[in-house]
């Protein structure tokens, strides 16, 4: 993972590494206790053009604010 931020102080930042079957490789997985969820590449909604894109976030971490 060349050139990626892996932590800011005590807050760890994680990325998907090997989820090839879902198409998540290299995408942001979590910041602290906040997890990010994406639509799978196999999910196809052509009208909305959302293949493999951000779906939702779960969890909270009082150390950071996400808009």
Protein backbone atom coordinates (compact mmCIF):
# COMPACT_ATOMS: atom_id res chain seq x y z
CA UNK A 1 0.00 0.00 0.00
CA UNK A 2 2.38 2.68 -1.15
CA UNK A 3 1.26 6.23 -0.39
CA UNK A 4 -1.73 5.48 1.83
CA UNK A 5 -2.39 6.87 5.29
CA UNK A 6 -2.55 4.00 7.79
CA UNK A 7 -3.05 6.01 10.99
CA UNK A 8 -3.51 9.47 12.42
CA UNK A 9 -2.32 9.38 16.00
CA UNK A 10 -4.24 6.55 17.70
CA UNK A 11 -6.84 6.32 14.89
CA UNK A 12 -6.11 3.39 12.56
CA UNK A 13 -7.13 3.51 8.90
CA UNK A 14 -7.69 0.19 7.09
CA UNK A 15 -8.20 -0.69 3.43
CA UNK A 16 -9.60 -3.78 1.72
CA UNK A 17 -6.71 -5.85 0.41
CA UNK A 18 -7.85 -9.12 -1.15
CA UNK A 19 -11.63 -9.04 -1.57
CA UNK A 20 -11.33 -9.54 -5.33
CA UNK A 21 -14.66 -11.37 -5.56
CA UNK A 22 -16.51 -8.30 -4.24
CA UNK A 23 -14.43 -5.69 -6.06
CA UNK A 24 -13.38 -3.90 -2.87
CA UNK A 25 -9.58 -4.14 -3.31
CA UNK A 26 -7.90 -0.88 -2.31
CA UNK A 27 -11.08 0.81 -1.05
CA UNK A 28 -11.34 2.33 2.41
CA UNK A 29 -12.48 -0.31 4.92
CA UNK A 30 -12.52 1.57 8.23
CA UNK A 31 -11.34 4.61 10.15
CA UNK A 32 -11.19 3.90 13.87
CA UNK A 33 -14.41 2.04 14.67
CA UNK A 34 -16.32 3.43 11.66
CA UNK A 35 -16.72 0.80 8.93
CA UNK A 36 -17.49 1.58 5.30
CA UNK A 37 -19.73 -0.64 3.17
CA UNK A 38 -19.86 -0.69 -0.63
CA UNK A 39 -22.16 -2.19 -3.23
CA UNK A 40 -20.58 -5.34 -4.68
CA UNK A 41 -19.30 -5.17 -8.24
CA UNK A 42 -21.78 -7.93 -9.01
CA UNK A 43 -24.66 -5.64 -7.98
CA UNK A 44 -25.81 -3.77 -11.06
CA UNK A 45 -28.15 -0.78 -11.09
CA UNK A 46 -27.48 0.90 -14.43
CA UNK A 47 -30.08 3.62 -13.89
CA UNK A 48 -28.34 4.86 -10.73
CA UNK A 49 -24.83 3.85 -11.89
CA UNK A 50 -23.85 2.52 -8.43
CA UNK A 51 -21.75 -0.55 -9.28
CA UNK A 52 -19.07 -0.99 -6.60
CA UNK A 53 -19.69 2.43 -5.06
CA UNK A 54 -20.10 3.55 -1.45
CA UNK A 55 -23.28 2.26 0.20
CA UNK A 56 -23.19 3.19 3.90
CA UNK A 57 -21.09 3.59 7.02
CA UNK A 58 -21.58 1.81 10.33
CA UNK A 59 -20.36 2.64 13.79
CA UNK A 60 -19.20 5.77 15.50
CA UNK A 61 -15.92 7.09 16.77
CA UNK A 62 -16.04 10.22 18.89
CA UNK A 63 -12.49 11.09 17.82
CA UNK A 64 -13.55 11.96 14.27
CA UNK A 65 -16.37 13.64 12.36
CA UNK A 66 -17.49 12.26 8.99
CA UNK A 67 -19.92 14.25 6.82
